[in-house]
PDB file of N, CA and C in Angstrom:
ATOM      1  N   MET A   1     108.429  62.794 214.871  1.00  0.00           N
ATOM      2  CA  MET A   1     107.215  62.008 214.720  1.00  0.00           C
ATOM      3  C   MET A   1     106.044  62.928 214.377  1.00  0.00           C
ATOM      4  N   ILE A   2     105.157  62.381 213.596  1.00  0.00           N
ATOM      5  CA  ILE A   2     103.953  63.093 213.224  1.00  0.00           C
ATOM      6  C   ILE A   2     102.760  62.446 213.927  1.00  0.00           C
ATOM      7  N   TYR A   3     102.044  63.251 214.669  1.00  0.00           N
ATOM      8  CA  TYR A   3     100.892  62.752 215.404  1.00  0.00           C
ATOM      9  C   TYR A   3      99.635  63.046 214.596  1.00  0.00           C
ATOM     10  N   ASN A   4      98.797  62.052 214.488  1.00  0.00           N
ATOM     11  CA  ASN A   4      97.531  62.236 213.757  1.00  0.00           C
ATOM     12  C   ASN A   4      96.431  62.611 214.748  1.00  0.00           C
ATOM     13  N   GLU A   5      96.423  63.886 215.106  1.00  0.00           N
ATOM     14  CA  GLU A   5      95.401  64.369 216.016  1.00  0.00           C
ATOM     15  C   GLU A   5      94.277  64.952 215.205  1.00  0.00           C
ATOM     16  N   GLU A   6      93.046  64.671 215.675  1.00  0.00           N
ATOM     17  CA  GLU A   6      91.901  65.201 214.993  1.00  0.00           C
ATOM     18  C   GLU A   6      91.771  66.691 215.324  1.00  0.00           C
ATOM     19  N   LYS A   7      91.628  67.458 214.314  1.00  0.00           N
ATOM     20  CA  LYS A   7      91.468  68.905 214.521  1.00  0.00           C
ATOM     21  C   LYS A   7      90.000  69.247 214.407  1.00  0.00           C
ATOM     22  N   SER A   8      89.592  70.218 215.211  1.00  0.00           N
ATOM     23  CA  SER A   8      88.202  70.659 215.131  1.00  0.00           C
ATOM     24  C   SER A   8      87.984  71.369 213.821  1.00  0.00           C
ATOM     25  N   SER A   9      86.763  71.292 213.335  1.00  0.00           N
ATOM     26  CA  SER A   9      86.468  71.901 212.040  1.00  0.00           C
ATOM     27  C   SER A   9      86.437  73.408 212.092  1.00  0.00           C
ATOM     28  N   GLY A  10      86.343  73.980 213.270  1.00  0.00           N
ATOM     29  CA  GLY A  10      86.332  75.433 213.382  1.00  0.00           C
ATOM     30  C   GLY A  10      85.028  76.023 212.973  1.00  0.00           C
ATOM     31  N   LEU A  11      83.948  75.362 213.264  1.00  0.00           N
ATOM     32  CA  LEU A  11      82.639  75.811 212.825  1.00  0.00           C
ATOM     33  C   LEU A  11      82.091  76.889 213.786  1.00  0.00           C
ATOM     34  N   ALA A  12      82.533  76.934 214.987  1.00  0.00           N
ATOM     35  CA  ALA A  12      81.967  77.816 215.992  1.00  0.00           C
ATOM     36  C   ALA A  12      82.237  79.306 215.648  1.00  0.00           C
ATOM     37  N   PHE A  13      83.426  79.639 215.239  1.00  0.00           N
ATOM     38  CA  PHE A  13      83.744  81.063 214.963  1.00  0.00           C
ATOM     39  C   PHE A  13      82.936  81.631 213.807  1.00  0.00           C
ATOM     40  N   PRO A  14      82.863  80.991 212.652  1.00  0.00           N
ATOM     41  CA  PRO A  14      82.014  81.519 211.543  1.00  0.00           C
ATOM     42  C   PRO A  14      80.545  81.596 211.943  1.00  0.00           C
ATOM     43  N   LEU A  15      80.086  80.644 212.726  1.00  0.00           N
ATOM     44  CA  LEU A  15      78.671  80.639 213.134  1.00  0.00           C
ATOM     45  C   LEU A  15      78.381  81.840 214.033  1.00  0.00           C
ATOM     46  N   ILE A  16      79.304  82.142 214.959  1.00  0.00           N
ATOM     47  CA  ILE A  16      79.133  83.281 215.857  1.00  0.00           C
ATOM     48  C   ILE A  16      79.144  84.573 215.061  1.00  0.00           C
ATOM     49  N   VAL A  17      80.026  84.672 214.076  1.00  0.00           N
ATOM     50  CA  VAL A  17      80.139  85.887 213.250  1.00  0.00           C
ATOM     51  C   VAL A  17      78.842  86.071 212.453  1.00  0.00           C
ATOM     52  N   ILE A  18      78.303  85.012 211.886  1.00  0.00           N
ATOM     53  CA  ILE A  18      77.068  85.114 211.113  1.00  0.00           C
ATOM     54  C   ILE A  18      75.894  85.509 212.007  1.00  0.00           C
ATOM     55  N   LEU A  19      75.813  84.924 213.195  1.00  0.00           N
ATOM     56  CA  LEU A  19      74.714  85.292 214.115  1.00  0.00           C
ATOM     57  C   LEU A  19      74.822  86.769 214.569  1.00  0.00           C
ATOM     58  N   LEU A  20      76.045  87.207 214.820  1.00  0.00           N
ATOM     59  CA  LEU A  20      76.205  88.612 215.212  1.00  0.00           C
ATOM     60  C   LEU A  20      75.843  89.541 214.058  1.00  0.00           C
ATOM     61  N   ALA A  21      76.166  89.188 212.855  1.00  0.00           N
ATOM     62  CA  ALA A  21      75.806  90.022 211.709  1.00  0.00           C
ATOM     63  C   ALA A  21      74.297  90.058 211.513  1.00  0.00           C
ATOM     64  N   MET A  22      73.635  88.908 211.680  1.00  0.00           N
ATOM     65  CA  MET A  22      72.177  88.874 211.579  1.00  0.00           C
ATOM     66  C   MET A  22      71.531  89.724 212.672  1.00  0.00           C
ATOM     67  N   ALA A  23      72.045  89.659 213.896  1.00  0.00           N
ATOM     68  CA  ALA A  23      71.516  90.462 214.990  1.00  0.00           C
ATOM     69  C   ALA A  23      71.722  91.962 214.695  1.00  0.00           C
ATOM     70  N   ALA A  24      72.838  92.316 214.114  1.00  0.00           N
ATOM     71  CA  ALA A  24      73.090  93.727 213.810  1.00  0.00           C
ATOM     72  C   ALA A  24      72.156  94.222 212.693  1.00  0.00           C
ATOM     73  N   ILE A  25      71.900  93.389 211.716  1.00  0.00           N
ATOM     74  CA  ILE A  25      70.963  93.782 210.661  1.00  0.00           C
ATOM     75  C   ILE A  25      69.559  93.937 211.190  1.00  0.00           C
ATOM     76  N   ILE A  26      69.099  93.003 211.985  1.00  0.00           N
ATOM     77  CA  ILE A  26      67.757  93.071 212.576  1.00  0.00           C
ATOM     78  C   ILE A  26      67.641  94.286 213.493  1.00  0.00           C
ATOM     79  N   GLY A  27      68.673  94.515 214.298  1.00  0.00           N
ATOM     80  CA  GLY A  27      68.660  95.666 215.185  1.00  0.00           C
ATOM     81  C   GLY A  27      68.620  96.975 214.433  1.00  0.00           C
ATOM     82  N   SER A  28      69.368  97.079 213.331  1.00  0.00           N
ATOM     83  CA  SER A  28      69.347  98.321 212.561  1.00  0.00           C
ATOM     84  C   SER A  28      68.013  98.522 211.864  1.00  0.00           C
ATOM     85  N   LEU A  29      67.358  97.423 211.481  1.00  0.00           N
ATOM     86  CA  LEU A  29      66.000  97.533 210.877  1.00  0.00           C
ATOM     87  C   LEU A  29      65.000  98.045 211.898  1.00  0.00           C
ATOM     88  N   PHE A  30      65.094  97.547 213.128  1.00  0.00           N
ATOM     89  CA  PHE A  30      64.179  98.028 214.165  1.00  0.00           C
ATOM     90  C   PHE A  30      64.433  99.493 214.532  1.00  0.00           C
ATOM     91  N   MET A  31      65.672  99.885 214.501  1.00  0.00           N
ATOM     92  CA  MET A  31      66.002 101.265 214.870  1.00  0.00           C
ATOM     93  C   MET A  31      65.554 102.249 213.797  1.00  0.00           C
ATOM     94  N   THR A  32      65.623 101.858 212.512  1.00  0.00           N
ATOM     95  CA  THR A  32      65.257 102.756 211.457  1.00  0.00           C
ATOM     96  C   THR A  32      63.790 102.717 211.123  1.00  0.00           C
ATOM     97  N   ALA A  33      63.074 101.703 211.621  1.00  0.00           N
ATOM     98  CA  ALA A  33      61.628 101.614 211.366  1.00  0.00           C
ATOM     99  C   ALA A  33      60.903 102.637 212.194  1.00  0.00           C
ATOM    100  N   ASP A  34      60.130 103.485 211.543  1.00  0.00           N
ATOM    101  CA  ASP A  34      59.383 104.519 212.209  1.00  0.00           C
ATOM    102  C   ASP A  34      57.957 104.437 211.743  1.00  0.00           C
ATOM    103  N   SER A  35      57.040 103.998 212.581  1.00  0.00           N
ATOM    104  CA  SER A  35      55.662 103.749 212.157  1.00  0.00           C
ATOM    105  C   SER A  35      54.864 105.032 212.042  1.00  0.00           C
ATOM    106  N   SER A  36      55.365 106.153 212.582  1.00  0.00           N
ATOM    107  CA  SER A  36      54.595 107.384 212.512  1.00  0.00           C
ATOM    108  C   SER A  36      54.671 108.056 211.144  1.00  0.00           C
ATOM    109  N   ASN A  37      55.721 107.757 210.422  1.00  0.00           N
ATOM    110  CA  ASN A  37      55.835 108.374 209.095  1.00  0.00           C
ATOM    111  C   ASN A  37      55.223 107.454 208.048  1.00  0.00           C
ATOM    112  N   THR A  38      54.336 108.034 207.212  1.00  0.00           N
ATOM    113  CA  THR A  38      53.744 107.280 206.136  1.00  0.00           C
ATOM    114  C   THR A  38      54.369 107.693 204.825  1.00  0.00           C
ATOM    115  N   THR A  39      54.504 106.774 203.913  1.00  0.00           N
ATOM    116  CA  THR A  39      55.083 107.059 202.646  1.00  0.00           C
ATOM    117  C   THR A  39      53.992 107.460 201.656  1.00  0.00           C
ATOM    118  N   ARG A  40      54.196 108.594 201.029  1.00  0.00           N
ATOM    119  CA  ARG A  40      53.231 109.086 200.055  1.00  0.00           C
ATOM    120  C   ARG A  40      53.886 109.140 198.700  1.00  0.00           C
ATOM    121  N   VAL A  41      53.191 108.661 197.726  1.00  0.00           N
ATOM    122  CA  VAL A  41      53.666 108.653 196.343  1.00  0.00           C
ATOM    123  C   VAL A  41      52.749 109.548 195.511  1.00  0.00           C
ATOM    124  N   TRP A  42      53.369 110.503 194.815  1.00  0.00           N
ATOM    125  CA  TRP A  42      52.574 111.407 193.979  1.00  0.00           C
ATOM    126  C   TRP A  42      52.536 110.845 192.586  1.00  0.00           C
ATOM    127  N   VAL A  43      51.356 110.662 192.059  1.00  0.00           N
ATOM    128  CA  VAL A  43      51.162 110.172 190.685  1.00  0.00           C
ATOM    129  C   VAL A  43      50.435 111.257 189.897  1.00  0.00           C
ATOM    130  N   PRO A  44      51.008 111.741 188.856  1.00  0.00           N
ATOM    131  CA  PRO A  44      50.333 112.769 188.045  1.00  0.00           C
ATOM    132  C   PRO A  44      49.048 112.237 187.431  1.00  0.00           C
ATOM    133  N   ALA A  45      48.050 113.133 187.320  1.00  0.00           N
ATOM    134  CA  ALA A  45      46.750 112.730 186.783  1.00  0.00           C
ATOM    135  C   ALA A  45      46.864 112.235 185.348  1.00  0.00           C
ATOM    136  N   SER A  46      47.783 112.764 184.594  1.00  0.00           N
ATOM    137  CA  SER A  46      47.879 112.367 183.179  1.00  0.00           C
ATOM    138  C   SER A  46      48.364 110.916 183.034  1.00  0.00           C
ATOM    139  N   SER A  47      49.202 110.443 183.955  1.00  0.00           N
ATOM    140  CA  SER A  47      49.716 109.077 183.849  1.00  0.00           C
ATOM    141  C   SER A  47      48.796 108.073 184.531  1.00  0.00           C
ATOM    142  N   ALA A  48      47.774 108.572 185.240  1.00  0.00           N
ATOM    143  CA  ALA A  48      46.861 107.659 185.944  1.00  0.00           C
ATOM    144  C   ALA A  48      45.747 107.195 185.044  1.00  0.00           C
ATOM    145  N   GLY A  49      45.703 107.671 183.819  1.00  0.00           N
ATOM    146  CA  GLY A  49      44.687 107.236 182.876  1.00  0.00           C
ATOM    147  C   GLY A  49      43.377 107.954 182.994  1.00  0.00           C
ATOM    148  N   ILE A  50      43.352 109.121 183.633  1.00  0.00           N
ATOM    149  CA  ILE A  50      42.133 109.906 183.786  1.00  0.00           C
ATOM    150  C   ILE A  50      41.997 110.877 182.680  1.00  0.00           C
TER     151      ILE A  50
END
């Protein structure tokens, strides 16, 4: 006999994986962010139009 049982869509596992990946990305961004270092860009005077 074949029983017609409703199967769950399995949405919980992919949702948990996506949330964990988002948390890892945000955590790595916070760990690599360093407010004490400023970015400096050198622009030659000849290309600045002076």
